[in-house]
Amino acid sequence: MSNMNNAALLYSAEAPSEAQRRRFADFLARTYPGQELTLEWKEDAALAGGFRLEVGADIYDWSLQGRVEQLRRRMEALDGREDVIPLMRQAIESWTPSTKPEEMGTVLTVGDEIATIAGLEDAVYGEVLVFSNGIRGMVQELRPGQLGCVLFGDSSGIEAGDPVRRTGKVAGVPVGEGFLGRVVDALGSPIDGAGPIQADAYYPVEHPAPGIIDRQPVNQPMETGLLAIDALFPIGRGQRELIIGDRQTGKTAVALDTILNQKGKNVVCIYVAIGQKSSSVALLAENLRRRGAMEYCIIVSAPA
């Protein structure tokens, strides 16, 4: 549980009644035993209905807006499912407002897509955080009283003092055969305008590699289609190979020729474009699609 001062702030559009104050006092005594918390009411005309209780970094949002936001997040969890309509009906019928606290932090500094945050004392390494403008980030540094977060988007809309919310979810990406033939961003979200992708599983980013004993031996060649490379530097499936060269020396051409040569060979090709223009990635995707290679390819675009 997060450290907190002796005040519990209660926000609402109208002052709570004495009966409501007693119920909140009982809730605080049960939830934070051994701590003498003073309930202070503050008017917030922006709350259309209900209450929002803040105890240190813990926030209990029982306002109308908070309940709608909780329901929206539950609906987002169903995105991409084929049977989404009955699942949505079931989720709405069985939904009740959460009584668990939502730990919130505050942005201290932000710059170069890195944010320093205070208040999220229970956050863990690799956890996904959500900023007030919807941008997500991943915890990369844990220090006493604050943490460092790498942003997964433009930092121009984030300022010092903005609230940050924990998700309780370790950073990862969705995976599955539905990604074949698609162009996605670094988080696995489609950016090619072809609709949502149905994922089969969710893998964490910090995933340990299989041990030597668990790996299959490299015993099958993977032809690049370039005679000079296949003859002098044969590559095996499962082997790592680095293409080194200066700018405009044909590194991308070698990679594309290798991808095109894998058609019909039960090989999945993943092309990761880091720092490239969106127009260049679009031309690449069209080139692969025209040659029938996108059916076994995935393009991951992380533009500058």
C-alpha atoms as a PDB file:
ATOM      1  CA  MET A   1       0.000   0.000   0.000  1.00  0.00           C
ATOM      2  CA  SER A   2       1.298   3.461  -0.862  1.00  0.00           C
ATOM      3  CA  ASN A   3       2.513   5.898   1.773  1.00  0.00           C
ATOM      4  CA  MET A   4       0.048   8.692   2.466  1.00  0.00           C
ATOM      5  CA  ASN A   5      -0.612  11.674   4.707  1.00  0.00           C
ATOM      6  CA  ASN A   6      -3.432  11.847   7.287  1.00  0.00           C
ATOM      7  CA  ALA A   7      -6.005  13.392   4.937  1.00  0.00           C
ATOM      8  CA  ALA A   8      -8.501  11.557   2.761  1.00  0.00           C
ATOM      9  CA  LEU A   9      -9.921  13.949   0.175  1.00  0.00           C
ATOM     10  CA  LEU A  10     -13.516  13.430  -0.932  1.00  0.00           C
ATOM     11  CA  TYR A  11     -14.604  15.234  -4.118  1.00  0.00           C
ATOM     12  CA  SER A  12     -18.215  15.682  -5.240  1.00  0.00           C
ATOM     13  CA  ALA A  13     -20.503  18.309  -6.717  1.00  0.00           C
ATOM     14  CA  GLU A  14     -22.563  18.470  -3.520  1.00  0.00           C
ATOM     15  CA  ALA A  15     -21.583  18.067   0.120  1.00  0.00           C
ATOM     16  CA  PRO A  16     -22.076  14.519   1.471  1.00  0.00           C
ATOM     17  CA  SER A  17     -24.706  13.878   4.111  1.00  0.00           C
ATOM     18  CA  GLU A  18     -23.808  12.775   7.630  1.00  0.00           C
ATOM     19  CA  ALA A  19     -24.821   9.204   6.793  1.00  0.00           C
ATOM     20  CA  GLN A  20     -22.550   9.230   3.739  1.00  0.00           C
ATOM     21  CA  ARG A  21     -19.683  10.623   5.816  1.00  0.00           C
ATOM     22  CA  ARG A  22     -20.097   7.791   8.324  1.00  0.00           C
ATOM     23  CA  ARG A  23     -20.028   5.195   5.538  1.00  0.00           C
ATOM     24  CA  PHE A  24     -16.862   6.722   4.087  1.00  0.00           C
ATOM     25  CA  ALA A  25     -15.277   6.773   7.560  1.00  0.00           C
ATOM     26  CA  ASP A  26     -16.129   3.077   8.016  1.00  0.00           C
ATOM     27  CA  PHE A  27     -14.660   2.300   4.580  1.00  0.00           C
ATOM     28  CA  LEU A  28     -11.405   4.090   5.452  1.00  0.00           C
ATOM     29  CA  ALA A  29     -11.148   2.286   8.783  1.00  0.00           C
ATOM     30  CA  ARG A  30     -11.571  -1.113   7.088  1.00  0.00           C
ATOM     31  CA  THR A  31      -9.273  -0.382   4.154  1.00  0.00           C
ATOM     32  CA  TYR A  32      -6.491   1.402   6.051  1.00  0.00           C
ATOM     33  CA  PRO A  33      -6.434  -0.175   9.528  1.00  0.00           C
ATOM     34  CA  GLY A  34      -4.185   1.459  12.084  1.00  0.00           C
ATOM     35  CA  GLN A  35      -4.102   4.801  10.249  1.00  0.00           C
ATOM     36  CA  GLU A  36      -5.960   7.813  11.566  1.00  0.00           C
ATOM     37  CA  LEU A  37      -7.314   9.434   8.420  1.00  0.00           C
ATOM     38  CA  THR A  38      -9.315  12.655   8.417  1.00  0.00           C
ATOM     39  CA  LEU A  39     -12.031  12.893   5.774  1.00  0.00           C
ATOM     40  CA  GLU A  40     -12.020  16.284   4.039  1.00  0.00           C
ATOM     41  CA  TRP A  41     -14.679  17.236   1.490  1.00  0.00           C
ATOM     42  CA  LYS A  42     -13.882  19.437  -1.498  1.00  0.00           C
ATOM     43  CA  GLU A  43     -16.373  20.675  -4.033  1.00  0.00           C
ATOM     44  CA  ASP A  44     -15.828  19.628  -7.647  1.00  0.00           C
ATOM     45  CA  ALA A  45     -18.590  20.883  -9.921  1.00  0.00           C
ATOM     46  CA  ALA A  46     -17.117  18.910 -12.846  1.00  0.00           C
ATOM     47  CA  LEU A  47     -18.310  15.641 -11.293  1.00  0.00           C
ATOM     48  CA  ALA A  48     -21.738  14.981 -12.782  1.00  0.00           C
ATOM     49  CA  GLY A  49     -22.611  12.507 -10.050  1.00  0.00           C
ATOM     50  CA  GLY A  50     -21.057  10.292  -7.406  1.00  0.00           C
ATOM     51  CA  PHE A  51     -17.821  10.747  -5.489  1.00  0.00           C
ATOM     52  CA  ARG A  52     -14.062  10.527  -5.987  1.00  0.00           C
ATOM     53  CA  LEU A  53     -11.966   9.605  -2.952  1.00  0.00           C
ATOM     54  CA  GLU A  54      -8.208  10.243  -2.865  1.00  0.00           C
ATOM     55  CA  VAL A  55      -6.070   8.678  -0.144  1.00  0.00           C
ATOM     56  CA  GLY A  56      -2.449   9.497  -0.888  1.00  0.00           C
ATOM     57  CA  ALA A  57      -1.704   7.964  -4.294  1.00  0.00           C
ATOM     58  CA  ASP A  58      -4.792   5.717  -4.126  1.00  0.00           C
ATOM     59  CA  ILE A  59      -7.865   6.949  -5.981  1.00  0.00           C
ATOM     60  CA  TYR A  60     -11.362   5.470  -5.699  1.00  0.00           C
ATOM     61  CA  ASP A  61     -13.387   6.918  -8.547  1.00  0.00           C
ATOM     62  CA  TRP A  62     -17.086   6.326  -7.922  1.00  0.00           C
ATOM     63  CA  SER A  63     -18.162   9.296 -10.019  1.00  0.00           C
ATOM     64  CA  LEU A  64     -20.318   8.946 -13.113  1.00  0.00           C
ATOM     65  CA  GLN A  65     -17.302   9.647 -15.322  1.00  0.00           C
ATOM     66  CA  GLY A  66     -15.227   7.096 -13.427  1.00  0.00           C
ATOM     67  CA  ARG A  67     -17.827   4.364 -13.826  1.00  0.00           C
ATOM     68  CA  VAL A  68     -18.097   5.033 -17.558  1.00  0.00           C
ATOM     69  CA  GLU A  69     -14.290   4.855 -17.824  1.00  0.00           C
ATOM     70  CA  GLN A  70     -14.208   1.517 -15.976  1.00  0.00           C
ATOM     71  CA  LEU A  71     -16.834   0.112 -18.331  1.00  0.00           C
ATOM     72  CA  ARG A  72     -14.937   1.449 -21.363  1.00  0.00           C
ATOM     73  CA  ARG A  73     -11.749  -0.336 -20.278  1.00  0.00           C
ATOM     74  CA  ARG A  74     -13.681  -3.552 -19.835  1.00  0.00           C
ATOM     75  CA  MET A  75     -15.048  -3.198 -23.365  1.00  0.00           C
ATOM     76  CA  GLU A  76     -11.532  -2.582 -24.716  1.00  0.00           C
ATOM     77  CA  ALA A  77     -10.441  -5.930 -23.304  1.00  0.00           C
ATOM     78  CA  LEU A  78     -12.928  -7.612 -25.661  1.00  0.00           C
ATOM     79  CA  ASP A  79     -11.579  -5.919 -28.798  1.00  0.00           C
ATOM     80  CA  GLY A  80     -10.710  -8.337 -31.592  1.00  0.00           C
ATOM     81  CA  ARG A  81     -12.883 -11.219 -30.375  1.00  0.00           C
ATOM     82  CA  GLU A  82     -15.167 -12.811 -32.956  1.00  0.00           C
ATOM     83  CA  ASP A  83     -17.918 -13.362 -30.373  1.00  0.00           C
ATOM     84  CA  VAL A  84     -17.655  -9.799 -29.107  1.00  0.00           C
ATOM     85  CA  ILE A  85     -21.411  -9.009 -29.164  1.00  0.00           C
ATOM     86  CA  PRO A  86     -22.521 -11.686 -26.660  1.00  0.00           C
ATOM     87  CA  LEU A  87     -19.406 -11.000 -24.591  1.00  0.00           C
ATOM     88  CA  MET A  88     -20.250  -7.287 -24.476  1.00  0.00           C
ATOM     89  CA  ARG A  89     -23.804  -8.075 -23.394  1.00  0.00           C
ATOM     90  CA  GLN A  90     -22.523 -10.388 -20.676  1.00  0.00           C
ATOM     91  CA  ALA A  91     -19.905  -7.861 -19.541  1.00  0.00           C
ATOM     92  CA  ILE A  92     -22.474  -5.066 -19.252  1.00  0.00           C
ATOM     93  CA  GLU A  93     -25.012  -7.209 -17.394  1.00  0.00           C
ATOM     94  CA  SER A  94     -22.432  -8.485 -14.886  1.00  0.00           C
ATOM     95  CA  TRP A  95     -20.509  -5.226 -14.477  1.00  0.00           C
ATOM     96  CA  THR A  96     -20.307  -3.501 -11.101  1.00  0.00           C
ATOM     97  CA  PRO A  97     -18.181  -0.448 -10.232  1.00  0.00           C
ATOM     98  CA  SER A  98     -14.773  -1.385  -8.862  1.00  0.00           C
ATOM     99  CA  THR A  99     -14.021  -0.753  -5.196  1.00  0.00           C
ATOM    100  CA  LYS A 100     -10.283  -1.247  -5.640  1.00  0.00           C
ATOM    101  CA  PRO A 101      -7.998   1.792  -5.505  1.00  0.00           C
ATOM    102  CA  GLU A 102      -6.396   3.116  -8.661  1.00  0.00           C
ATOM    103  CA  GLU A 103      -2.870   4.272  -7.923  1.00  0.00           C
ATOM    104  CA  MET A 104      -2.069   7.587  -9.585  1.00  0.00           C
ATOM    105  CA  GLY A 105       1.224   9.405  -9.987  1.00  0.00           C
ATOM    106  CA  THR A 106       2.369  12.817 -11.163  1.00  0.00           C
ATOM    107  CA  VAL A 107       4.762  13.759 -13.959  1.00  0.00           C
ATOM    108  CA  LEU A 108       7.824  15.560 -12.609  1.00  0.00           C
ATOM    109  CA  THR A 109       9.797  16.085 -15.816  1.00  0.00           C
ATOM    110  CA  VAL A 110       9.430  15.040 -19.438  1.00  0.00           C
ATOM    111  CA  GLY A 111      11.718  15.319 -22.440  1.00  0.00           C
ATOM    112  CA  ASP A 112      13.209  13.258 -25.257  1.00  0.00           C
ATOM    113  CA  GLU A 113      10.363  10.719 -24.852  1.00  0.00           C
ATOM    114  CA  ILE A 114      11.440  10.045 -21.236  1.00  0.00           C
ATOM    115  CA  ALA A 115       9.255  10.976 -18.256  1.00  0.00           C
ATOM    116  CA  THR A 116      10.123  11.083 -14.563  1.00  0.00           C
ATOM    117  CA  ILE A 117       7.142  10.254 -12.357  1.00  0.00           C
ATOM    118  CA  ALA A 118       6.465  10.485  -8.625  1.00  0.00           C
ATOM    119  CA  GLY A 119       3.807   8.729  -6.570  1.00  0.00           C
ATOM    120  CA  LEU A 120       3.654   5.270  -8.170  1.00  0.00           C
ATOM    121  CA  GLU A 121       5.461   3.447  -5.385  1.00  0.00           C
ATOM    122  CA  ASP A 122       3.952   0.040  -6.192  1.00  0.00           C
ATOM    123  CA  ALA A 123       4.801   0.118  -9.913  1.00  0.00           C
ATOM    124  CA  VAL A 124       7.104  -2.644 -11.157  1.00  0.00           C
ATOM    125  CA  TYR A 125       9.799  -2.743 -13.803  1.00  0.00           C
ATOM    126  CA  GLY A 126       8.333  -3.133 -17.283  1.00  0.00           C
ATOM    127  CA  GLU A 127       4.796  -2.105 -16.260  1.00  0.00           C
ATOM    128  CA  VAL A 128       2.680  -0.090 -18.688  1.00  0.00           C
ATOM    129  CA  LEU A 129       1.560   3.368 -17.537  1.00  0.00           C
ATOM    130  CA  VAL A 130      -1.128   5.556 -19.113  1.00  0.00           C
ATOM    131  CA  PHE A 131      -0.828   9.344 -19.232  1.00  0.00           C
ATOM    132  CA  SER A 132      -3.705  11.817 -19.222  1.00  0.00           C
ATOM    133  CA  ASN A 133      -3.590  12.268 -23.015  1.00  0.00           C
ATOM    134  CA  GLY A 134      -3.778   8.514 -23.661  1.00  0.00           C
ATOM    135  CA  ILE A 135      -0.073   8.015 -24.437  1.00  0.00           C
ATOM    136  CA  ARG A 136       1.362   4.859 -22.905  1.00  0.00           C
ATOM    137  CA  GLY A 137       4.797   4.250 -21.498  1.00  0.00           C
ATOM    138  CA  MET A 138       6.881   1.515 -19.886  1.00  0.00           C
ATOM    139  CA  VAL A 139       8.663   1.700 -16.542  1.00  0.00           C
ATOM    140  CA  GLN A 140      12.402   1.390 -17.151  1.00  0.00           C
ATOM    141  CA  GLU A 141      13.983   2.821 -14.006  1.00  0.00           C
ATOM    142  CA  LEU A 142      13.017   2.458 -10.351  1.00  0.00           C
ATOM    143  CA  ARG A 143      14.387   4.946  -7.825  1.00  0.00           C
ATOM    144  CA  PRO A 144      13.330   5.900  -4.289  1.00  0.00           C
ATOM    145  CA  GLY A 145      10.293   8.157  -4.577  1.00  0.00           C
ATOM    146  CA  GLN A 146      10.239   8.291  -8.384  1.00  0.00           C
ATOM    147  CA  LEU A 147      10.632   6.240 -11.525  1.00  0.00           C
ATOM    148  CA  GLY A 148      11.681   6.665 -15.146  1.00  0.00           C
ATOM    149  CA  CYS A 149       9.294   5.833 -17.973  1.00  0.00           C
ATOM    150  CA  VAL A 150       9.939   5.405 -21.704  1.00  0.00           C
ATOM    151  CA  LEU A 151       7.064   6.856 -23.743  1.00  0.00           C
ATOM    152  CA  PHE A 152       5.434   4.970 -26.605  1.00  0.00           C
ATOM    153  CA  GLY A 153       4.428   8.155 -28.387  1.00  0.00           C
ATOM    154  CA  ASP A 154       4.964  11.891 -28.766  1.00  0.00           C
ATOM    155  CA  SER A 155       5.789  13.645 -25.493  1.00  0.00           C
ATOM    156  CA  SER A 156       4.641  17.085 -26.695  1.00  0.00           C
ATOM    157  CA  GLY A 157       1.204  16.640 -25.106  1.00  0.00           C
ATOM    158  CA  ILE A 158       2.584  15.718 -21.672  1.00  0.00           C
ATOM    159  CA  GLU A 159       3.553  18.345 -19.104  1.00  0.00           C
ATOM    160  CA  ALA A 160       4.873  18.387 -15.555  1.00  0.00           C
ATOM    161  CA  GLY A 161       2.015  17.919 -13.110  1.00  0.00           C
ATOM    162  CA  ASP A 162      -0.074  15.690 -15.393  1.00  0.00           C
ATOM    163  CA  PRO A 163      -1.563  12.579 -13.751  1.00  0.00           C
ATOM    164  CA  VAL A 164      -0.299   9.103 -14.643  1.00  0.00           C
ATOM    165  CA  ARG A 165      -2.241   5.886 -14.096  1.00  0.00           C
ATOM    166  CA  ARG A 166      -0.962   2.366 -13.488  1.00  0.00           C
ATOM    167  CA  THR A 167      -2.395  -0.501 -15.513  1.00  0.00           C
ATOM    168  CA  GLY A 168      -0.988  -3.393 -13.500  1.00  0.00           C
ATOM    169  CA  LYS A 169       0.011  -4.959 -16.809  1.00  0.00           C
ATOM    170  CA  VAL A 170       3.573  -5.735 -17.838  1.00  0.00           C
ATOM    171  CA  ALA A 171       4.529  -4.354 -21.247  1.00  0.00           C
ATOM    172  CA  GLY A 172       3.990  -6.880 -23.988  1.00  0.00           C
ATOM    173  CA  VAL A 173       2.659  -7.403 -27.471  1.00  0.00           C
ATOM    174  CA  PRO A 174      -0.206  -9.464 -28.895  1.00  0.00           C
ATOM    175  CA  VAL A 175       0.825 -12.379 -31.102  1.00  0.00           C
ATOM    176  CA  GLY A 176      -0.904 -14.774 -33.476  1.00  0.00           C
ATOM    177  CA  GLU A 177      -1.311 -15.794 -37.092  1.00  0.00           C
ATOM    178  CA  GLY A 178      -3.686 -12.874 -37.614  1.00  0.00           C
ATOM    179  CA  PHE A 179      -0.652 -10.578 -37.839  1.00  0.00           C
ATOM    180  CA  LEU A 180       0.559 -12.177 -41.078  1.00  0.00           C
ATOM    181  CA  GLY A 181       0.219  -9.738 -43.953  1.00  0.00           C
ATOM    182  CA  ARG A 182      -0.252  -6.723 -41.680  1.00  0.00           C
ATOM    183  CA  VAL A 183       1.657  -3.553 -40.811  1.00  0.00           C
ATOM    184  CA  VAL A 184       1.732  -2.787 -37.080  1.00  0.00           C
ATOM    185  CA  ASP A 185       3.444  -0.372 -34.727  1.00  0.00           C
ATOM    186  CA  ALA A 186       5.887  -1.324 -31.980  1.00  0.00           C
ATOM    187  CA  LEU A 187       3.007  -2.253 -29.638  1.00  0.00           C
ATOM    188  CA  GLY A 188       1.336  -4.546 -32.165  1.00  0.00           C
ATOM    189  CA  SER A 189      -1.500  -2.166 -33.049  1.00  0.00           C
ATOM    190  CA  PRO A 190      -2.444  -2.197 -36.754  1.00  0.00           C
ATOM    191  CA  ILE A 191      -1.568   0.950 -38.708  1.00  0.00           C
ATOM    192  CA  ASP A 192      -2.414  -0.218 -42.222  1.00  0.00           C
ATOM    193  CA  GLY A 193      -6.112   0.667 -42.072  1.00  0.00           C
ATOM    194  CA  ALA A 194      -7.206  -2.944 -42.573  1.00  0.00           C
ATOM    195  CA  GLY A 195      -9.140  -3.246 -39.326  1.00  0.00           C
ATOM    196  CA  PRO A 196      -8.388  -4.854 -35.957  1.00  0.00           C
ATOM    197  CA  ILE A 197      -6.254  -7.969 -35.545  1.00  0.00           C
ATOM    198  CA  GLN A 198      -7.414 -10.969 -33.552  1.00  0.00           C
ATOM    199  CA  ALA A 199      -4.524 -12.039 -31.332  1.00  0.00           C
ATOM    200  CA  ASP A 200      -4.017 -15.574 -30.060  1.00  0.00           C
ATOM    201  CA  ALA A 201      -1.910 -14.633 -27.019  1.00  0.00           C
ATOM    202  CA  TYR A 202      -0.104 -11.794 -25.267  1.00  0.00           C
ATOM    203  CA  TYR A 203       3.661 -12.106 -24.733  1.00  0.00           C
ATOM    204  CA  PRO A 204       5.644  -9.832 -22.377  1.00  0.00           C
ATOM    205  CA  VAL A 205       8.451  -7.763 -23.876  1.00  0.00           C
ATOM    206  CA  GLU A 206      10.935  -8.937 -21.252  1.00  0.00           C
ATOM    207  CA  HIS A 207      10.641 -12.603 -22.146  1.00  0.00           C
ATOM    208  CA  PRO A 208      13.569 -14.955 -21.360  1.00  0.00           C
ATOM    209  CA  ALA A 209      15.088 -16.681 -24.375  1.00  0.00           C
ATOM    210  CA  PRO A 210      14.992 -20.496 -24.486  1.00  0.00           C
ATOM    211  CA  GLY A 211      18.036 -22.220 -23.041  1.00  0.00           C
ATOM    212  CA  ILE A 212      20.619 -23.990 -25.172  1.00  0.00           C
ATOM    213  CA  ILE A 213      19.201 -27.418 -24.318  1.00  0.00           C
ATOM    214  CA  ASP A 214      15.678 -26.386 -25.345  1.00  0.00           C
ATOM    215  CA  ARG A 215      16.709 -25.007 -28.732  1.00  0.00           C
ATOM    216  CA  GLN A 216      16.629 -27.068 -31.890  1.00  0.00           C
ATOM    217  CA  PRO A 217      19.984 -27.493 -33.635  1.00  0.00           C
ATOM    218  CA  VAL A 218      20.705 -25.467 -36.752  1.00  0.00           C
ATOM    219  CA  ASN A 219      20.517 -28.206 -39.376  1.00  0.00           C
ATOM    220  CA  GLN A 220      18.495 -26.706 -42.229  1.00  0.00           C
ATOM    221  CA  PRO A 221      19.757 -24.065 -44.658  1.00  0.00           C
ATOM    222  CA  MET A 222      17.913 -20.844 -45.404  1.00  0.00           C
ATOM    223  CA  GLU A 223      18.714 -19.673 -48.907  1.00  0.00           C
ATOM    224  CA  THR A 224      18.781 -15.949 -49.552  1.00  0.00           C
ATOM    225  CA  GLY A 225      18.435 -16.348 -53.305  1.00  0.00           C
ATOM    226  CA  LEU A 226      21.769 -14.570 -53.794  1.00  0.00           C
ATOM    227  CA  LEU A 227      24.305 -17.070 -55.135  1.00  0.00           C
ATOM    228  CA  ALA A 228      27.368 -15.273 -53.754  1.00  0.00           C
ATOM    229  CA  ILE A 229      25.976 -15.222 -50.208  1.00  0.00           C
ATOM    230  CA  ASP A 230      24.573 -18.759 -50.274  1.00  0.00           C
ATOM    231  CA  ALA A 231      27.879 -20.135 -51.585  1.00  0.00           C
ATOM    232  CA  LEU A 232      30.322 -18.187 -49.409  1.00  0.00           C
ATOM    233  CA  PHE A 233      28.262 -17.463 -46.256  1.00  0.00           C
ATOM    234  CA  PRO A 234      25.544 -20.127 -45.909  1.00  0.00           C
ATOM    235  CA  ILE A 235      22.858 -19.265 -43.347  1.00  0.00           C
ATOM    236  CA  GLY A 236      20.918 -21.837 -41.334  1.00  0.00           C
ATOM    237  CA  ARG A 237      17.402 -21.527 -39.940  1.00  0.00           C
ATOM    238  CA  GLY A 238      17.621 -20.317 -36.379  1.00  0.00           C
ATOM    239  CA  GLN A 239      20.981 -18.665 -36.964  1.00  0.00           C
ATOM    240  CA  ARG A 240      21.633 -14.968 -36.435  1.00  0.00           C
ATOM    241  CA  GLU A 241      23.264 -13.023 -39.231  1.00  0.00           C
ATOM    242  CA  LEU A 242      24.230  -9.349 -39.301  1.00  0.00           C
ATOM    243  CA  ILE A 243      24.237  -7.270 -42.482  1.00  0.00           C
ATOM    244  CA  ILE A 244      26.854  -4.532 -42.142  1.00  0.00           C
ATOM    245  CA  GLY A 245      27.417  -1.712 -44.590  1.00  0.00           C
ATOM    246  CA  ASP A 246      27.389   2.035 -45.134  1.00  0.00           C
ATOM    247  CA  ARG A 247      24.334   3.951 -46.281  1.00  0.00           C
ATOM    248  CA  GLN A 248      23.007   3.208 -49.756  1.00  0.00           C
ATOM    249  CA  THR A 249      25.120   0.070 -50.176  1.00  0.00           C
ATOM    250  CA  GLY A 250      22.228  -2.373 -50.653  1.00  0.00           C
ATOM    251  CA  LYS A 251      21.596  -3.757 -47.157  1.00  0.00           C
ATOM    252  CA  THR A 252      17.823  -3.406 -47.504  1.00  0.00           C
ATOM    253  CA  ALA A 253      17.935  -4.957 -50.975  1.00  0.00           C
ATOM    254  CA  VAL A 254      19.678  -8.042 -49.574  1.00  0.00           C
ATOM    255  CA  ALA A 255      17.055  -8.358 -46.836  1.00  0.00           C
ATOM    256  CA  LEU A 256      14.154  -7.944 -49.284  1.00  0.00           C
ATOM    257  CA  ASP A 257      15.602 -10.488 -51.720  1.00  0.00           C
ATOM    258  CA  THR A 258      15.916 -12.936 -48.826  1.00  0.00           C
ATOM    259  CA  ILE A 259      12.281 -12.346 -47.845  1.00  0.00           C
ATOM    260  CA  LEU A 260      11.060 -12.852 -51.411  1.00  0.00           C
ATOM    261  CA  ASN A 261      13.036 -16.094 -51.654  1.00  0.00           C
ATOM    262  CA  GLN A 262      11.181 -17.618 -48.672  1.00  0.00           C
ATOM    263  CA  LYS A 263       7.860 -17.943 -50.496  1.00  0.00           C
ATOM    264  CA  GLY A 264       6.405 -21.425 -50.079  1.00  0.00           C
ATOM    265  CA  LYS A 265       9.132 -22.521 -47.627  1.00  0.00           C
ATOM    266  CA  ASN A 266       7.122 -22.302 -44.380  1.00  0.00           C
ATOM    267  CA  VAL A 267       9.125 -19.324 -43.106  1.00  0.00           C
ATOM    268  CA  VAL A 268       7.603 -16.287 -41.379  1.00  0.00           C
ATOM    269  CA  CYS A 269       9.443 -13.041 -42.160  1.00  0.00           C
ATOM    270  CA  ILE A 270       9.283 -10.016 -39.863  1.00  0.00           C
ATOM    271  CA  TYR A 271      10.593  -6.735 -41.256  1.00  0.00           C
ATOM    272  CA  VAL A 272      11.226  -4.123 -38.541  1.00  0.00           C
ATOM    273  CA  ALA A 273      11.536  -0.569 -39.873  1.00  0.00           C
ATOM    274  CA  ILE A 274      13.131   1.660 -37.215  1.00  0.00           C
ATOM    275  CA  GLY A 275      13.357   5.372 -37.894  1.00  0.00           C
ATOM    276  CA  GLN A 276      12.083   5.093 -41.465  1.00  0.00           C
ATOM    277  CA  LYS A 277       9.515   7.388 -43.023  1.00  0.00           C
ATOM    278  CA  SER A 278       5.940   6.161 -43.153  1.00  0.00           C
ATOM    279  CA  SER A 279       5.963   6.644 -46.931  1.00  0.00           C
ATOM    280  CA  SER A 280       8.980   4.330 -47.247  1.00  0.00           C
ATOM    281  CA  VAL A 281       7.258   1.673 -45.148  1.00  0.00           C
ATOM    282  CA  ALA A 282       4.119   1.980 -47.293  1.00  0.00           C
ATOM    283  CA  LEU A 283       6.169   1.484 -50.477  1.00  0.00           C
ATOM    284  CA  LEU A 284       7.859  -1.548 -48.933  1.00  0.00           C
ATOM    285  CA  ALA A 285       4.520  -3.103 -47.981  1.00  0.00           C
ATOM    286  CA  GLU A 286       3.129  -2.487 -51.465  1.00  0.00           C
ATOM    287  CA  ASN A 287       6.232  -4.029 -53.051  1.00  0.00           C
ATOM    288  CA  LEU A 288       5.932  -7.175 -50.928  1.00  0.00           C
ATOM    289  CA  ARG A 289       2.179  -7.374 -51.515  1.00  0.00           C
ATOM    290  CA  ARG A 290       2.596  -7.047 -55.273  1.00  0.00           C
ATOM    291  CA  ARG A 291       5.041  -9.961 -55.271  1.00  0.00           C
ATOM    292  CA  GLY A 292       2.850 -12.145 -53.058  1.00  0.00           C
ATOM    293  CA  ALA A 293       5.182 -12.020 -50.059  1.00  0.00           C
ATOM    294  CA  MET A 294       2.948 -10.243 -47.524  1.00  0.00           C
ATOM    295  CA  GLU A 295       1.025 -13.464 -46.859  1.00  0.00           C
ATOM    296  CA  TYR A 296       3.993 -14.730 -44.828  1.00  0.00           C
ATOM    297  CA  CYS A 297       5.356 -11.340 -43.688  1.00  0.00           C
ATOM    298  CA  ILE A 298       4.769  -8.935 -40.819  1.00  0.00           C
ATOM    299  CA  ILE A 299       6.007  -5.339 -40.976  1.00  0.00           C
ATOM    300  CA  VAL A 300       6.693  -3.545 -37.694  1.00  0.00           C
ATOM    301  CA  SER A 301       7.077   0.211 -38.135  1.00  0.00           C
ATOM    302  CA  ALA A 302       8.683   2.426 -35.485  1.00  0.00           C
ATOM    303  CA  PRO A 303       9.097   5.777 -37.275  1.00  0.00           C
ATOM    304  CA  ALA A 304      11.376   8.530 -36.048  1.00  0.00           C
END
